[in-house]
PDB file of all heavy atoms in Angstrom:
ATOM      1  N   SER A   1     125.891  96.949 111.420  1.00  0.00           N
ATOM      2  CA  SER A   1     124.666  96.714 112.184  1.00  0.00           C
ATOM      3  C   SER A   1     123.970  95.416 111.787  1.00  0.00           C
ATOM      4  O   SER A   1     123.451  94.691 112.650  1.00  0.00           O
ATOM      5  CB  SER A   1     123.708  97.890 111.976  1.00  0.00           C
ATOM      6  OG  SER A   1     122.447  97.645 112.547  1.00  0.00           O
ATOM      7  N   LEU A   2     123.979  95.106 110.480  1.00  0.00           N
ATOM      8  CA  LEU A   2     123.216  93.967 109.977  1.00  0.00           C
ATOM      9  C   LEU A   2     124.074  92.743 109.684  1.00  0.00           C
ATOM     10  O   LEU A   2     123.552  91.703 109.290  1.00  0.00           O
ATOM     11  CB  LEU A   2     122.453  94.390 108.711  1.00  0.00           C
ATOM     12  CG  LEU A   2     121.469  95.558 108.915  1.00  0.00           C
ATOM     13  CD1 LEU A   2     120.904  96.026 107.587  1.00  0.00           C
ATOM     14  CD2 LEU A   2     120.341  95.149 109.864  1.00  0.00           C
ATOM     15  N   GLY A   3     125.407  92.870 109.863  1.00  0.00           N
ATOM     16  CA  GLY A   3     126.290  91.725 109.743  1.00  0.00           C
ATOM     17  C   GLY A   3     126.517  91.219 108.331  1.00  0.00           C
ATOM     18  O   GLY A   3     126.631  90.016 108.111  1.00  0.00           O
ATOM     19  N   TRP A   4     126.611  92.139 107.353  1.00  0.00           N
ATOM     20  CA  TRP A   4     126.854  91.727 105.971  1.00  0.00           C
ATOM     21  C   TRP A   4     128.310  91.369 105.744  1.00  0.00           C
ATOM     22  O   TRP A   4     129.215  91.942 106.354  1.00  0.00           O
ATOM     23  CB  TRP A   4     126.504  92.844 104.998  1.00  0.00           C
ATOM     24  CG  TRP A   4     125.083  93.302 105.014  1.00  0.00           C
ATOM     25  CD1 TRP A   4     123.992  92.621 105.465  1.00  0.00           C
ATOM     26  CD2 TRP A   4     124.608  94.578 104.553  1.00  0.00           C
ATOM     27  NE1 TRP A   4     122.862  93.370 105.303  1.00  0.00           N
ATOM     28  CE2 TRP A   4     123.203  94.575 104.745  1.00  0.00           C
ATOM     29  CE3 TRP A   4     125.214  95.696 104.005  1.00  0.00           C
ATOM     30  CZ2 TRP A   4     122.405  95.673 104.396  1.00  0.00           C
ATOM     31  CZ3 TRP A   4     124.433  96.774 103.646  1.00  0.00           C
ATOM     32  CH2 TRP A   4     123.038  96.767 103.840  1.00  0.00           C
ATOM     33  N   SER A   5     128.556  90.456 104.814  1.00  0.00           N
ATOM     34  CA  SER A   5     129.907  90.246 104.279  1.00  0.00           C
ATOM     35  C   SER A   5     130.150  91.273 103.176  1.00  0.00           C
ATOM     36  O   SER A   5     129.232  91.995 102.772  1.00  0.00           O
ATOM     37  CB  SER A   5     130.027  88.826 103.697  1.00  0.00           C
ATOM     38  OG  SER A   5     129.210  88.697 102.537  1.00  0.00           O
ATOM     39  N   GLU A   6     131.390  91.337 102.679  1.00  0.00           N
ATOM     40  CA  GLU A   6     131.687  92.255 101.568  1.00  0.00           C
ATOM     41  C   GLU A   6     130.867  91.892 100.330  1.00  0.00           C
ATOM     42  O   GLU A   6     130.405  92.762  99.592  1.00  0.00           O
ATOM     43  CB  GLU A   6     133.181  92.224 101.240  1.00  0.00           C
ATOM     44  CG  GLU A   6     134.075  92.862 102.289  1.00  0.00           C
ATOM     45  CD  GLU A   6     133.828  94.352 102.425  1.00  0.00           C
ATOM     46  OE1 GLU A   6     133.566  95.006 101.404  1.00  0.00           O
ATOM     47  OE2 GLU A   6     133.888  94.861 103.571  1.00  0.00           O
ATOM     48  N   THR A   7     130.701  90.604 100.102  1.00  0.00           N
ATOM     49  CA  THR A   7     129.906  90.168  98.947  1.00  0.00           C
ATOM     50  C   THR A   7     128.451  90.577  99.103  1.00  0.00           C
ATOM     51  O   THR A   7     127.811  91.040  98.139  1.00  0.00           O
ATOM     52  CB  THR A   7     130.012  88.640  98.773  1.00  0.00           C
ATOM     53  OG1 THR A   7     131.379  88.288  98.553  1.00  0.00           O
ATOM     54  CG2 THR A   7     129.174  88.170  97.586  1.00  0.00           C
ATOM     55  N   GLU A   8     127.894  90.426 100.304  1.00  0.00           N
ATOM     56  CA  GLU A   8     126.507  90.843 100.540  1.00  0.00           C
ATOM     57  C   GLU A   8     126.353  92.352 100.380  1.00  0.00           C
ATOM     58  O   GLU A   8     125.358  92.828  99.817  1.00  0.00           O
ATOM     59  CB  GLU A   8     126.062  90.411 101.943  1.00  0.00           C
ATOM     60  CG  GLU A   8     125.798  88.920 102.067  1.00  0.00           C
ATOM     61  CD  GLU A   8     125.491  88.503 103.491  1.00  0.00           C
ATOM     62  OE1 GLU A   8     126.103  89.087 104.423  1.00  0.00           O
ATOM     63  OE2 GLU A   8     124.656  87.598 103.674  1.00  0.00           O
ATOM     64  N   LYS A   9     127.353  93.102 100.839  1.00  0.00           N
ATOM     65  CA  LYS A   9     127.286  94.547 100.649  1.00  0.00           C
ATOM     66  C   LYS A   9     127.325  94.895  99.162  1.00  0.00           C
ATOM     67  O   LYS A   9     126.604  95.795  98.700  1.00  0.00           O
ATOM     68  CB  LYS A   9     128.442  95.246 101.375  1.00  0.00           C
ATOM     69  CG  LYS A   9     128.378  96.778 101.258  1.00  0.00           C
ATOM     70  CD  LYS A   9     129.311  97.474 102.238  1.00  0.00           C
ATOM     71  CE  LYS A   9     130.757  97.362 101.850  1.00  0.00           C
ATOM     72  NZ  LYS A   9     131.625  98.232 102.684  1.00  0.00           N
ATOM     73  N   GLY A  10     128.130  94.176  98.410  1.00  0.00           N
ATOM     74  CA  GLY A  10     128.172  94.385  96.977  1.00  0.00           C
ATOM     75  C   GLY A  10     126.831  94.106  96.315  1.00  0.00           C
ATOM     76  O   GLY A  10     126.417  94.822  95.394  1.00  0.00           O
ATOM     77  N   LEU A  11     126.121  93.076  96.790  1.00  0.00           N
ATOM     78  CA  LEU A  11     124.799  92.760  96.252  1.00  0.00           C
ATOM     79  C   LEU A  11     123.796  93.870  96.556  1.00  0.00           C
ATOM     80  O   LEU A  11     122.971  94.232  95.699  1.00  0.00           O
ATOM     81  CB  LEU A  11     124.303  91.436  96.824  1.00  0.00           C
ATOM     82  CG  LEU A  11     125.028  90.179  96.343  1.00  0.00           C
ATOM     83  CD1 LEU A  11     124.543  88.952  97.117  1.00  0.00           C
ATOM     84  CD2 LEU A  11     124.816  89.976  94.846  1.00  0.00           C
ATOM     85  N   VAL A  12     123.867  94.423  97.758  1.00  0.00           N
ATOM     86  CA  VAL A  12     122.973  95.526  98.114  1.00  0.00           C
ATOM     87  C   VAL A  12     123.257  96.741  97.231  1.00  0.00           C
ATOM     88  O   VAL A  12     122.329  97.367  96.694  1.00  0.00           O
ATOM     89  CB  VAL A  12     123.134  95.900  99.610  1.00  0.00           C
ATOM     90  CG1 VAL A  12     122.358  97.179  99.916  1.00  0.00           C
ATOM     91  CG2 VAL A  12     122.654  94.766 100.494  1.00  0.00           C
ATOM     92  N   LEU A  13     124.535  97.064  97.067  1.00  0.00           N
ATOM     93  CA  LEU A  13     124.898  98.234  96.274  1.00  0.00           C
ATOM     94  C   LEU A  13     124.553  98.058  94.798  1.00  0.00           C
ATOM     95  O   LEU A  13     124.221  99.025  94.110  1.00  0.00           O
ATOM     96  CB  LEU A  13     126.397  98.526  96.430  1.00  0.00           C
ATOM     97  CG  LEU A  13     126.866  98.936  97.828  1.00  0.00           C
ATOM     98  CD1 LEU A  13     128.380  99.083  97.861  1.00  0.00           C
ATOM     99  CD2 LEU A  13     126.197 100.235  98.270  1.00  0.00           C
ATOM    100  N   SER A  14     124.628  96.842  94.299  1.00  0.00           N
ATOM    101  CA  SER A  14     124.392  96.613  92.871  1.00  0.00           C
ATOM    102  C   SER A  14     122.930  96.367  92.533  1.00  0.00           C
ATOM    103  O   SER A  14     122.531  96.511  91.376  1.00  0.00           O
ATOM    104  CB  SER A  14     125.230  95.423  92.383  1.00  0.00           C
ATOM    105  OG  SER A  14     124.810  94.219  92.993  1.00  0.00           O
ATOM    106  N   SER A  15     122.103  95.996  93.518  1.00  0.00           N
ATOM    107  CA  SER A  15     120.721  95.606  93.223  1.00  0.00           C
ATOM    108  C   SER A  15     119.911  96.762  92.650  1.00  0.00           C
ATOM    109  O   SER A  15     118.988  96.547  91.849  1.00  0.00           O
ATOM    110  CB  SER A  15     120.046  95.057  94.484  1.00  0.00           C
ATOM    111  OG  SER A  15     120.077  96.006  95.541  1.00  0.00           O
ATOM    112  N   PHE A  16     120.238  97.978  93.034  1.00  0.00           N
ATOM    113  CA  PHE A  16     119.579  99.150  92.450  1.00  0.00           C
ATOM    114  C   PHE A  16     119.618  99.098  90.928  1.00  0.00           C
ATOM    115  O   PHE A  16     118.634  99.406  90.246  1.00  0.00           O
ATOM    116  CB  PHE A  16     120.278 100.424  92.952  1.00  0.00           C
ATOM    117  CG  PHE A  16     119.972 101.659  92.129  1.00  0.00           C
ATOM    118  CD1 PHE A  16     118.876 102.445  92.426  1.00  0.00           C
ATOM    119  CD2 PHE A  16     120.778 102.014  91.053  1.00  0.00           C
ATOM    120  CE1 PHE A  16     118.591 103.574  91.659  1.00  0.00           C
ATOM    121  CE2 PHE A  16     120.507 103.125  90.298  1.00  0.00           C
ATOM    122  CZ  PHE A  16     119.408 103.917  90.599  1.00  0.00           C
ATOM    123  N   PHE A  17     120.753  98.689  90.389  1.00  0.00           N
ATOM    124  CA  PHE A  17     120.958  98.769  88.949  1.00  0.00           C
ATOM    125  C   PHE A  17     120.171  97.708  88.184  1.00  0.00           C
ATOM    126  O   PHE A  17     119.961  97.846  86.978  1.00  0.00           O
ATOM    127  CB  PHE A  17     122.454  98.660  88.640  1.00  0.00           C
ATOM    128  CG  PHE A  17     123.247  99.791  89.226  1.00  0.00           C
ATOM    129  CD1 PHE A  17     123.973  99.615  90.395  1.00  0.00           C
ATOM    130  CD2 PHE A  17     123.247 101.038  88.634  1.00  0.00           C
ATOM    131  CE1 PHE A  17     124.693 100.659  90.950  1.00  0.00           C
ATOM    132  CE2 PHE A  17     123.957 102.090  89.180  1.00  0.00           C
ATOM    133  CZ  PHE A  17     124.687 101.908  90.341  1.00  0.00           C
ATOM    134  N   ILE A  18     119.718  96.663  88.873  1.00  0.00           N
ATOM    135  CA  ILE A  18     118.858  95.673  88.216  1.00  0.00           C
ATOM    136  C   ILE A  18     117.553  96.338  87.790  1.00  0.00           C
ATOM    137  O   ILE A  18     117.120  96.242  86.638  1.00  0.00           O
ATOM    138  CB  ILE A  18     118.595  94.484  89.149  1.00  0.00           C
ATOM    139  CG1 ILE A  18     119.901  93.755  89.472  1.00  0.00           C
ATOM    140  CG2 ILE A  18     117.582  93.521  88.516  1.00  0.00           C
ATOM    141  CD1 ILE A  18     119.752  92.675  90.529  1.00  0.00           C
ATOM    142  N   GLY A  19     116.911  97.033  88.741  1.00  0.00           N
ATOM    143  CA  GLY A  19     115.691  97.753  88.410  1.00  0.00           C
ATOM    144  C   GLY A  19     115.944  98.906  87.458  1.00  0.00           C
ATOM    145  O   GLY A  19     115.150  99.166  86.548  1.00  0.00           O
ATOM    146  N   TYR A  20     117.053  99.584  87.667  1.00  0.00           N
ATOM    147  CA  TYR A  20     117.386 100.747  86.833  1.00  0.00           C
ATOM    148  C   TYR A  20     117.561 100.337  85.379  1.00  0.00           C
ATOM    149  O   TYR A  20     117.091 101.017  84.464  1.00  0.00           O
ATOM    150  CB  TYR A  20     118.662 101.383  87.380  1.00  0.00           C
ATOM    151  CG  TYR A  20     119.000 102.730  86.781  1.00  0.00           C
ATOM    152  CD1 TYR A  20     118.182 103.830  87.014  1.00  0.00           C
ATOM    153  CD2 TYR A  20     120.154 102.907  86.026  1.00  0.00           C
ATOM    154  CE1 TYR A  20     118.504 105.076  86.491  1.00  0.00           C
ATOM    155  CE2 TYR A  20     120.482 104.143  85.501  1.00  0.00           C
ATOM    156  CZ  TYR A  20     119.655 105.226  85.741  1.00  0.00           C
ATOM    157  OH  TYR A  20     119.977 106.446  85.216  1.00  0.00           O
ATOM    158  N   MET A  21     118.207  99.216  85.143  1.00  0.00           N
ATOM    159  CA  MET A  21     118.416  98.751  83.778  1.00  0.00           C
ATOM    160  C   MET A  21     117.121  98.241  83.164  1.00  0.00           C
ATOM    161  O   MET A  21     116.840  98.479  81.989  1.00  0.00           O
ATOM    162  CB  MET A  21     119.469  97.645  83.755  1.00  0.00           C
ATOM    163  CG  MET A  21     119.802  97.147  82.356  1.00  0.00           C
ATOM    164  SD  MET A  21     121.024  95.829  82.338  1.00  0.00           S
ATOM    165  CE  MET A  21     120.034  94.472  82.965  1.00  0.00           C
ATOM    166  N   ALA A  22     116.297  97.569  83.966  1.00  0.00           N
ATOM    167  CA  ALA A  22     115.112  96.902  83.439  1.00  0.00           C
ATOM    168  C   ALA A  22     114.104  97.858  82.826  1.00  0.00           C
ATOM    169  O   ALA A  22     113.391  97.501  81.885  1.00  0.00           O
ATOM    170  CB  ALA A  22     114.443  96.085  84.550  1.00  0.00           C
ATOM    171  N   ALA A  23     114.024  99.089  83.339  1.00  0.00           N
ATOM    172  CA  ALA A  23     112.963 100.006  82.905  1.00  0.00           C
ATOM    173  C   ALA A  23     113.457 101.159  82.039  1.00  0.00           C
ATOM    174  O   ALA A  23     112.682 102.072  81.731  1.00  0.00           O
ATOM    175  CB  ALA A  23     112.220 100.552  84.126  1.00  0.00           C
ATOM    176  N   GLN A  24     114.727 101.157  81.627  1.00  0.00           N
ATOM    177  CA  GLN A  24     115.255 102.261  80.836  1.00  0.00           C
ATOM    178  C   GLN A  24     114.538 102.407  79.485  1.00  0.00           C
ATOM    179  O   GLN A  24     114.075 103.485  79.122  1.00  0.00           O
ATOM    180  CB  GLN A  24     116.751 102.055  80.591  1.00  0.00           C
ATOM    181  CG  GLN A  24     117.620 102.356  81.785  1.00  0.00           C
ATOM    182  CD  GLN A  24     117.717 103.833  82.087  1.00  0.00           C
ATOM    183  OE1 GLN A  24     117.695 104.661  81.178  1.00  0.00           O
ATOM    184  NE2 GLN A  24     117.816 104.166  83.342  1.00  0.00           N
ATOM    185  N   ILE A  25     114.463 101.322  78.732  1.00  0.00           N
ATOM    186  CA  ILE A  25     113.863 101.394  77.397  1.00  0.00           C
ATOM    187  C   ILE A  25     112.376 101.687  77.510  1.00  0.00           C
ATOM    188  O   ILE A  25     111.836 102.518  76.763  1.00  0.00           O
ATOM    189  CB  ILE A  25     114.107 100.087  76.626  1.00  0.00           C
ATOM    190  CG1 ILE A  25     115.614  99.876  76.421  1.00  0.00           C
ATOM    191  CG2 ILE A  25     113.390 100.110  75.276  1.00  0.00           C
ATOM    192  CD1 ILE A  25     115.971  98.558  75.772  1.00  0.00           C
ATOM    193  N   VAL A  26     111.710 101.036  78.461  1.00  0.00           N
ATOM    194  CA  VAL A  26     110.292 101.309  78.676  1.00  0.00           C
ATOM    195  C   VAL A  26     110.079 102.777  79.023  1.00  0.00           C
ATOM    196  O   VAL A  26     109.161 103.435  78.506  1.00  0.00           O
ATOM    197  CB  VAL A  26     109.734 100.408  79.799  1.00  0.00           C
ATOM    198  CG1 VAL A  26     108.306 100.804  80.150  1.00  0.00           C
ATOM    199  CG2 VAL A  26     109.788  98.952  79.380  1.00  0.00           C
ATOM    200  N   GLY A  27     110.951 103.314  79.891  1.00  0.00           N
ATOM    201  CA  GLY A  27     110.849 104.726  80.250  1.00  0.00           C
ATOM    202  C   GLY A  27     111.013 105.634  79.053  1.00  0.00           C
ATOM    203  O   GLY A  27     110.294 106.634  78.903  1.00  0.00           O
ATOM    204  N   GLY A  28     111.968 105.307  78.157  1.00  0.00           N
ATOM    205  CA  GLY A  28     112.170 106.111  76.959  1.00  0.00           C
ATOM    206  C   GLY A  28     110.976 106.057  76.019  1.00  0.00           C
ATOM    207  O   GLY A  28     110.553 107.087  75.470  1.00  0.00           O
ATOM    208  N   VAL A  29     110.422 104.859  75.831  1.00  0.00           N
ATOM    209  CA  VAL A  29     109.239 104.710  74.966  1.00  0.00           C
ATOM    210  C   VAL A  29     108.058 105.489  75.536  1.00  0.00           C
ATOM    211  O   VAL A  29     107.353 106.201  74.815  1.00  0.00           O
ATOM    212  CB  VAL A  29     108.881 103.219  74.803  1.00  0.00           C
ATOM    213  CG1 VAL A  29     107.541 103.067  74.093  1.00  0.00           C
ATOM    214  CG2 VAL A  29     109.970 102.490  74.027  1.00  0.00           C
ATOM    215  N   LEU A  30     107.836 105.373  76.850  1.00  0.00           N
ATOM    216  CA  LEU A  30     106.733 106.096  77.483  1.00  0.00           C
ATOM    217  C   LEU A  30     106.923 107.607  77.381  1.00  0.00           C
ATOM    218  O   LEU A  30     105.959 108.351  77.136  1.00  0.00           O
ATOM    219  CB  LEU A  30     106.615 105.684  78.951  1.00  0.00           C
ATOM    220  CG  LEU A  30     106.142 104.251  79.224  1.00  0.00           C
ATOM    221  CD1 LEU A  30     106.195 103.949  80.713  1.00  0.00           C
ATOM    222  CD2 LEU A  30     104.733 104.036  78.687  1.00  0.00           C
ATOM    223  N   ALA A  31     108.169 108.073  77.562  1.00  0.00           N
ATOM    224  CA  ALA A  31     108.428 109.507  77.470  1.00  0.00           C
ATOM    225  C   ALA A  31     108.171 110.024  76.060  1.00  0.00           C
ATOM    226  O   ALA A  31     107.577 111.094  75.878  1.00  0.00           O
ATOM    227  CB  ALA A  31     109.868 109.812  77.896  1.00  0.00           C
ATOM    228  N   ASP A  32     108.621 109.276  75.054  1.00  0.00           N
ATOM    229  CA  ASP A  32     108.416 109.716  73.677  1.00  0.00           C
ATOM    230  C   ASP A  32     106.934 109.656  73.278  1.00  0.00           C
ATOM    231  O   ASP A  32     106.498 110.393  72.395  1.00  0.00           O
ATOM    232  CB  ASP A  32     109.248 108.855  72.723  1.00  0.00           C
ATOM    233  CG  ASP A  32     110.736 109.195  72.786  1.00  0.00           C
ATOM    234  OD1 ASP A  32     111.061 110.282  73.293  1.00  0.00           O
ATOM    235  OD2 ASP A  32     111.558 108.378  72.342  1.00  0.00           O
ATOM    236  N   ARG A  33     106.179 108.794  73.931  1.00  0.00           N
ATOM    237  CA  ARG A  33     104.762 108.655  73.573  1.00  0.00           C
ATOM    238  C   ARG A  33     103.856 109.577  74.396  1.00  0.00           C
ATOM    239  O   ARG A  33     102.945 110.206  73.872  1.00  0.00           O
ATOM    240  CB  ARG A  33     104.302 107.204  73.740  1.00  0.00           C
ATOM    241  CG  ARG A  33     102.850 106.998  73.336  1.00  0.00           C
ATOM    242  CD  ARG A  33     102.512 105.542  73.149  1.00  0.00           C
ATOM    243  NE  ARG A  33     101.137 105.369  72.701  1.00  0.00           N
ATOM    244  CZ  ARG A  33     100.727 105.499  71.440  1.00  0.00           C
ATOM    245  NH1 ARG A  33     101.583 105.844  70.501  1.00  0.00           N
ATOM    246  NH2 ARG A  33      99.459 105.314  71.123  1.00  0.00           N
ATOM    247  N   PHE A  34     104.094 109.657  75.717  1.00  0.00           N
ATOM    248  CA  PHE A  34     103.196 110.393  76.601  1.00  0.00           C
ATOM    249  C   PHE A  34     103.775 111.714  77.102  1.00  0.00           C
ATOM    250  O   PHE A  34     103.067 112.474  77.769  1.00  0.00           O
ATOM    251  CB  PHE A  34     102.806 109.523  77.794  1.00  0.00           C
ATOM    252  CG  PHE A  34     102.063 108.282  77.412  1.00  0.00           C
ATOM    253  CD1 PHE A  34     102.670 107.045  77.489  1.00  0.00           C
ATOM    254  CD2 PHE A  34     100.759 108.350  76.947  1.00  0.00           C
ATOM    255  CE1 PHE A  34     101.991 105.892  77.134  1.00  0.00           C
ATOM    256  CE2 PHE A  34     100.069 107.200  76.583  1.00  0.00           C
ATOM    257  CZ  PHE A  34     100.686 105.966  76.675  1.00  0.00           C
ATOM    258  N   GLY A  35     105.044 111.975  76.798  1.00  0.00           N
ATOM    259  CA  GLY A  35     105.641 113.238  77.208  1.00  0.00           C
ATOM    260  C   GLY A  35     106.552 113.112  78.406  1.00  0.00           C
ATOM    261  O   GLY A  35     106.268 112.362  79.350  1.00  0.00           O
ATOM    262  N   GLY A  36     107.653 113.845  78.365  1.00  0.00           N
ATOM    263  CA  GLY A  36     108.658 113.756  79.414  1.00  0.00           C
ATOM    264  C   GLY A  36     108.207 114.265  80.759  1.00  0.00           C
ATOM    265  O   GLY A  36     108.600 113.740  81.797  1.00  0.00           O
ATOM    266  N   LYS A  37     107.346 115.302  80.764  1.00  0.00           N
ATOM    267  CA  LYS A  37     106.928 115.864  82.047  1.00  0.00           C
ATOM    268  C   LYS A  37     106.187 114.835  82.894  1.00  0.00           C
ATOM    269  O   LYS A  37     106.489 114.627  84.064  1.00  0.00           O
ATOM    270  CB  LYS A  37     106.025 117.074  81.820  1.00  0.00           C
ATOM    271  CG  LYS A  37     105.399 117.599  83.116  1.00  0.00           C
ATOM    272  CD  LYS A  37     104.310 118.607  82.895  1.00  0.00           C
ATOM    273  CE  LYS A  37     103.613 118.938  84.215  1.00  0.00           C
ATOM    274  NZ  LYS A  37     102.563 119.975  84.053  1.00  0.00           N
ATOM    275  N   ARG A  38     105.202 114.189  82.296  1.00  0.00           N
ATOM    276  CA  ARG A  38     104.386 113.234  83.039  1.00  0.00           C
ATOM    277  C   ARG A  38     105.220 112.042  83.497  1.00  0.00           C
ATOM    278  O   ARG A  38     105.126 111.612  84.657  1.00  0.00           O
ATOM    279  CB  ARG A  38     103.237 112.750  82.155  1.00  0.00           C
ATOM    280  CG  ARG A  38     102.250 111.831  82.868  1.00  0.00           C
ATOM    281  CD  ARG A  38     101.165 111.357  81.905  1.00  0.00           C
ATOM    282  NE  ARG A  38     100.479 112.481  81.294  1.00  0.00           N
ATOM    283  CZ  ARG A  38      99.572 112.355  80.320  1.00  0.00           C
ATOM    284  NH1 ARG A  38      99.267 111.151  79.856  1.00  0.00           N
ATOM    285  NH2 ARG A  38      98.986 113.421  79.822  1.00  0.00           N
TER     286      ARG A  38
END
């Protein structure tokens, strides 16, 4: 529908992991400090 190349599709599929990686340690620190539920 949007006319992506295979490389562009790869960028879309992989971009999630940029954000996912960036906040892992911060998420762990926040969980250990403020609690996992919150």
